[in-house]
C-alpha atoms as a PDB file:
ATOM      1  CA  MET A   1    -117.880-133.371 -28.412  1.00  0.00           C
ATOM      2  CA  MET A   2    -114.686-134.339 -26.158  1.00  0.00           C
ATOM      3  CA  GLN A   3    -112.599-136.788 -27.383  1.00  0.00           C
ATOM      4  CA  PHE A   4    -110.133-138.828 -24.946  1.00  0.00           C
ATOM      5  CA  GLY A   5    -106.637-140.157 -26.073  1.00  0.00           C
ATOM      6  CA  PHE A   6    -103.303-138.039 -26.591  1.00  0.00           C
ATOM      7  CA  SER A   7    -103.078-134.478 -28.040  1.00  0.00           C
ATOM      8  CA  TYR A   8    -100.121-134.314 -30.010  1.00  0.00           C
ATOM      9  CA  VAL A   9    -101.114-130.347 -31.193  1.00  0.00           C
ATOM     10  CA  GLY A  10    -101.698-130.243 -27.039  1.00  0.00           C
ATOM     11  CA  LEU A  11     -98.002-131.126 -26.685  1.00  0.00           C
ATOM     12  CA  GLY A  12     -97.582-128.929 -29.154  1.00  0.00           C
ATOM     13  CA  PHE A  13     -98.767-125.770 -27.543  1.00  0.00           C
ATOM     14  CA  LEU A  14     -97.576-127.136 -23.796  1.00  0.00           C
ATOM     15  CA  LEU A  15     -93.654-127.145 -25.187  1.00  0.00           C
ATOM     16  CA  MET A  16     -94.133-123.761 -26.564  1.00  0.00           C
ATOM     17  CA  LEU A  17     -95.067-122.334 -22.834  1.00  0.00           C
ATOM     18  CA  PHE A  18     -92.890-124.412 -21.055  1.00  0.00           C
ATOM     19  CA  ILE A  19     -89.701-123.683 -23.236  1.00  0.00           C
ATOM     20  CA  PRO A  20     -89.584-120.177 -22.881  1.00  0.00           C
ATOM     21  CA  ASN A  21     -90.687-120.536 -18.940  1.00  0.00           C
ATOM     22  CA  MET A  22     -87.873-122.999 -18.389  1.00  0.00           C
ATOM     23  CA  ILE A  23     -85.203-120.075 -20.238  1.00  0.00           C
ATOM     24  CA  TRP A  24     -86.719-117.624 -17.796  1.00  0.00           C
ATOM     25  CA  THR A  25     -86.176-119.498 -14.506  1.00  0.00           C
ATOM     26  CA  LYS A  26     -82.281-118.413 -15.452  1.00  0.00           C
ATOM     27  CA  HIS A  27     -83.520-114.793 -16.820  1.00  0.00           C
ATOM     28  CA  LYS A  28     -85.697-113.326 -14.122  1.00  0.00           C
ATOM     29  CA  PRO A  29     -85.974-109.779 -13.413  1.00  0.00           C
ATOM     30  CA  ARG A  30     -84.248-107.922 -10.221  1.00  0.00           C
ATOM     31  CA  ASP A  31     -86.347-108.079  -7.387  1.00  0.00           C
ATOM     32  CA  TYR A  32     -88.750-110.687  -9.081  1.00  0.00           C
ATOM     33  CA  GLU A  33     -88.843-112.718  -5.675  1.00  0.00           C
ATOM     34  CA  LYS A  34     -89.889-109.788  -3.197  1.00  0.00           C
ATOM     35  CA  TYR A  35     -93.264-109.250  -5.517  1.00  0.00           C
ATOM     36  CA  VAL A  36     -93.828-113.526  -5.175  1.00  0.00           C
ATOM     37  CA  GLY A  37     -94.279-112.890  -1.808  1.00  0.00           C
ATOM     38  CA  ASN A  38     -97.276-110.784  -2.289  1.00  0.00           C
ATOM     39  CA  GLU A  39     -99.254-112.770  -4.423  1.00  0.00           C
ATOM     40  CA  ASN A  40    -103.084-113.085  -3.167  1.00  0.00           C
ATOM     41  CA  ARG A  41    -103.434-116.810  -1.796  1.00  0.00           C
ATOM     42  CA  ILE A  42    -106.634-117.504  -3.712  1.00  0.00           C
ATOM     43  CA  LEU A  43    -105.345-116.276  -6.779  1.00  0.00           C
ATOM     44  CA  SER A  44    -102.171-118.356  -6.609  1.00  0.00           C
ATOM     45  CA  LEU A  45    -104.523-121.451  -5.781  1.00  0.00           C
ATOM     46  CA  LEU A  46    -106.712-120.956  -9.248  1.00  0.00           C
ATOM     47  CA  GLU A  47    -103.924-120.587 -10.803  1.00  0.00           C
ATOM     48  CA  ARG A  48    -102.196-123.716  -9.844  1.00  0.00           C
ATOM     49  CA  VAL A  49    -105.300-125.656 -10.008  1.00  0.00           C
ATOM     50  CA  GLY A  50    -105.851-124.050 -13.532  1.00  0.00           C
ATOM     51  CA  GLU A  51    -102.142-124.922 -14.632  1.00  0.00           C
ATOM     52  CA  ALA A  52    -102.645-128.526 -13.665  1.00  0.00           C
ATOM     53  CA  LEU A  53    -106.094-128.987 -15.565  1.00  0.00           C
ATOM     54  CA  VAL A  54    -105.181-127.116 -18.520  1.00  0.00           C
ATOM     55  CA  CYS A  55    -101.910-129.729 -19.008  1.00  0.00           C
ATOM     56  CA  CYS A  56    -104.186-132.402 -18.141  1.00  0.00           C
ATOM     57  CA  ALA A  57    -106.457-131.294 -20.748  1.00  0.00           C
ATOM     58  CA  ALA A  58    -104.042-130.460 -23.508  1.00  0.00           C
ATOM     59  CA  LEU A  59    -102.239-133.958 -22.928  1.00  0.00           C
ATOM     60  CA  THR A  60    -105.342-135.883 -22.663  1.00  0.00           C
ATOM     61  CA  CYS A  61    -108.037-134.619 -25.357  1.00  0.00           C
ATOM     62  CA  SER A  62    -107.389-135.814 -28.867  1.00  0.00           C
ATOM     63  CA  GLY A  63    -109.859-133.332 -29.760  1.00  0.00           C
ATOM     64  CA  PHE A  64    -107.109-130.802 -30.340  1.00  0.00           C
ATOM     65  CA  ASN A  65    -105.344-133.020 -32.808  1.00  0.00           C
ATOM     66  CA  LEU A  66    -105.765-131.903 -36.777  1.00  0.00           C
ATOM     67  CA  ARG A  67    -108.567-133.002 -38.741  1.00  0.00           C
ATOM     68  CA  LYS A  68    -110.083-131.976 -42.218  1.00  0.00           C
ATOM     69  CA  PRO A  69    -109.713-128.112 -42.729  1.00  0.00           C
ATOM     70  CA  ASP A  70    -112.759-126.249 -42.509  1.00  0.00           C
ATOM     71  CA  LEU A  71    -114.210-123.321 -41.295  1.00  0.00           C
ATOM     72  CA  TRP A  72    -113.576-124.792 -37.729  1.00  0.00           C
ATOM     73  CA  SER A  73    -110.559-124.777 -38.048  1.00  0.00           C
ATOM     74  CA  THR A  74    -109.938-120.715 -37.980  1.00  0.00           C
ATOM     75  CA  TRP A  75    -110.349-121.395 -33.987  1.00  0.00           C
ATOM     76  CA  LEU A  76    -106.963-123.295 -34.407  1.00  0.00           C
ATOM     77  CA  ALA A  77    -105.497-120.767 -36.247  1.00  0.00           C
ATOM     78  CA  LEU A  78    -106.195-118.075 -33.822  1.00  0.00           C
ATOM     79  CA  ALA A  79    -105.143-120.826 -30.698  1.00  0.00           C
ATOM     80  CA  VAL A  80    -101.256-120.747 -33.085  1.00  0.00           C
ATOM     81  CA  LEU A  81    -101.213-117.118 -33.686  1.00  0.00           C
ATOM     82  CA  ALA A  82    -102.171-116.314 -30.010  1.00  0.00           C
ATOM     83  CA  MET A  83     -99.187-118.812 -29.402  1.00  0.00           C
ATOM     84  CA  LEU A  84     -96.456-117.469 -31.717  1.00  0.00           C
ATOM     85  CA  LEU A  85     -97.316-113.693 -30.325  1.00  0.00           C
ATOM     86  CA  TYR A  86     -96.565-115.164 -26.829  1.00  0.00           C
ATOM     87  CA  GLU A  87     -93.223-116.450 -28.335  1.00  0.00           C
ATOM     88  CA  GLY A  88     -92.215-112.990 -29.524  1.00  0.00           C
ATOM     89  CA  TYR A  89     -92.949-111.579 -26.460  1.00  0.00           C
ATOM     90  CA  TRP A  90     -90.167-113.910 -24.734  1.00  0.00           C
ATOM     91  CA  ILE A  91     -88.070-112.855 -27.480  1.00  0.00           C
ATOM     92  CA  ARG A  92     -88.824-109.387 -26.649  1.00  0.00           C
ATOM     93  CA  TYR A  93     -88.722-110.037 -22.877  1.00  0.00           C
ATOM     94  CA  PHE A  94     -85.603-112.381 -23.201  1.00  0.00           C
ATOM     95  CA  ARG A  95     -83.630-109.298 -25.588  1.00  0.00           C
ATOM     96  CA  SER A  96     -84.989-106.015 -23.013  1.00  0.00           C
ATOM     97  CA  ARG A  97     -82.995-105.971 -19.723  1.00  0.00           C
ATOM     98  CA  GLN A  98     -84.853-107.984 -17.701  1.00  0.00           C
ATOM     99  CA  GLU A  99     -86.509-105.259 -15.643  1.00  0.00           C
ATOM    100  CA  MET A 100     -89.937-105.960 -13.740  1.00  0.00           C
ATOM    101  CA  THR A 101     -91.726-103.728 -16.357  1.00  0.00           C
ATOM    102  CA  ASP A 102     -90.209-105.462 -19.108  1.00  0.00           C
ATOM    103  CA  PHE A 103     -91.732-108.920 -17.809  1.00  0.00           C
ATOM    104  CA  TYR A 104     -95.184-107.377 -16.765  1.00  0.00           C
ATOM    105  CA  SER A 105     -95.543-105.498 -20.182  1.00  0.00           C
ATOM    106  CA  SER A 106     -97.607-105.137 -22.843  1.00  0.00           C
ATOM    107  CA  PHE A 107     -97.168-106.523 -26.261  1.00  0.00           C
ATOM    108  CA  LEU A 108     -98.384-105.437 -29.356  1.00  0.00           C
ATOM    109  CA  GLY A 109    -101.488-103.637 -27.451  1.00  0.00           C
ATOM    110  CA  ILE A 110    -101.822-106.984 -25.420  1.00  0.00           C
ATOM    111  CA  PRO A 111    -101.632-106.432 -21.646  1.00  0.00           C
ATOM    112  CA  VAL A 112     -99.572-108.355 -19.615  1.00  0.00           C
ATOM    113  CA  ALA A 113     -99.027-110.597 -22.434  1.00  0.00           C
ATOM    114  CA  GLY A 114     -97.042-112.941 -20.757  1.00  0.00           C
ATOM    115  CA  ALA A 115    -100.197-114.087 -18.987  1.00  0.00           C
ATOM    116  CA  SER A 116    -102.620-113.077 -21.384  1.00  0.00           C
ATOM    117  CA  LEU A 117    -101.547-114.312 -24.503  1.00  0.00           C
ATOM    118  CA  PRO A 118    -101.147-118.380 -23.627  1.00  0.00           C
ATOM    119  CA  VAL A 119    -104.461-118.040 -21.785  1.00  0.00           C
ATOM    120  CA  ALA A 120    -106.458-117.063 -24.818  1.00  0.00           C
ATOM    121  CA  ALA A 121    -104.177-119.409 -27.089  1.00  0.00           C
ATOM    122  CA  PHE A 122    -105.393-122.519 -24.802  1.00  0.00           C
ATOM    123  CA  PHE A 123    -109.146-120.460 -24.474  1.00  0.00           C
ATOM    124  CA  LEU A 124    -109.251-120.716 -28.202  1.00  0.00           C
ATOM    125  CA  LEU A 125    -107.799-124.326 -28.418  1.00  0.00           C
ATOM    126  CA  GLY A 126    -110.736-125.185 -26.184  1.00  0.00           C
ATOM    127  CA  ILE A 127    -113.255-123.879 -29.075  1.00  0.00           C
ATOM    128  CA  TYR A 128    -111.495-125.647 -31.656  1.00  0.00           C
ATOM    129  CA  GLY A 129    -111.923-129.044 -29.411  1.00  0.00           C
ATOM    130  CA  ARG A 130    -115.014-128.005 -28.959  1.00  0.00           C
ATOM    131  CA  ASN A 131    -114.086-129.073 -25.240  1.00  0.00           C
ATOM    132  CA  PRO A 132    -115.705-127.965 -21.732  1.00  0.00           C
ATOM    133  CA  LEU A 133    -113.202-129.377 -19.850  1.00  0.00           C
ATOM    134  CA  MET A 134    -110.229-126.668 -21.539  1.00  0.00           C
ATOM    135  CA  LEU A 135    -112.599-124.305 -21.442  1.00  0.00           C
ATOM    136  CA  LEU A 136    -113.348-124.572 -17.581  1.00  0.00           C
ATOM    137  CA  ALA A 137    -109.506-125.115 -16.691  1.00  0.00           C
ATOM    138  CA  VAL A 138    -108.145-122.528 -18.812  1.00  0.00           C
ATOM    139  CA  THR A 139    -110.708-120.051 -16.759  1.00  0.00           C
ATOM    140  CA  VAL A 140    -109.510-121.000 -13.818  1.00  0.00           C
ATOM    141  CA  LEU A 141    -106.156-120.225 -14.801  1.00  0.00           C
ATOM    142  CA  GLY A 142    -106.546-117.114 -16.177  1.00  0.00           C
ATOM    143  CA  ILE A 143    -108.497-116.107 -13.376  1.00  0.00           C
ATOM    144  CA  GLY A 144    -105.518-116.889 -11.354  1.00  0.00           C
ATOM    145  CA  HIS A 145    -102.507-116.179 -13.791  1.00  0.00           C
ATOM    146  CA  ILE A 146    -103.567-112.718 -15.215  1.00  0.00           C
ATOM    147  CA  GLY A 147    -105.234-111.496 -12.213  1.00  0.00           C
ATOM    148  CA  ILE A 148    -101.338-112.150  -9.915  1.00  0.00           C
ATOM    149  CA  HIS A 149     -99.529-110.307 -12.956  1.00  0.00           C
ATOM    150  CA  LEU A 150    -102.191-107.726 -12.959  1.00  0.00           C
ATOM    151  CA  ALA A 151    -101.527-107.064  -9.273  1.00  0.00           C
ATOM    152  CA  HIS A 152     -97.559-107.115  -9.787  1.00  0.00           C
ATOM    153  CA  ARG A 153     -97.932-104.802 -12.857  1.00  0.00           C
ATOM    154  CA  ARG A 154     -99.815-102.414 -10.616  1.00  0.00           C
ATOM    155  CA  GLU A 155     -97.443-103.238  -7.562  1.00  0.00           C
ATOM    156  CA  VAL A 156     -94.319-102.403  -9.719  1.00  0.00           C
ATOM    157  CA  SER A 157     -96.113 -99.218 -11.363  1.00  0.00           C
ATOM    158  CA  GLU A 158     -96.384 -98.155  -7.619  1.00  0.00           C
ATOM    159  CA  ARG A 159     -93.107 -98.512  -6.211  1.00  0.00           C
ATOM    160  CA  LYS A 160     -91.899 -96.764  -9.229  1.00  0.00           C
ATOM    161  CA  ARG A 161     -93.747 -93.665  -8.222  1.00  0.00           C
END
């Protein structure tokens, strides 16, 4: 059941998402701008709409906040694990040569981890909060964001050949 109100857990997830992305703006891979111009407009639109909806849901749905631990809390634990893996992906990226192949790489077998892990984390958070708005928002985001990353990864591998 959706509960409206401020979510400090949602804020924490968003900070874990935004801080590495802000650092990344100073450490973009070489030739990144060449790929951005080729993005599918529909996927870009879905990504932007999904981003806005996920941010709003994360901050305004108090059902994501901590409650008495029970079996359902496993969903929150999995969401936190996905976000921690996302942070690990960024640490590896920042320590790499910061090339396009590094940016679109897998992490611990998870394809395009920079896109897949936060989408998975917010989806799991939506399950934990029993929040259909978050589940819908993150599905829209995932289609756009993961779709764009897969297209870029494919383009990078084609250019390397």
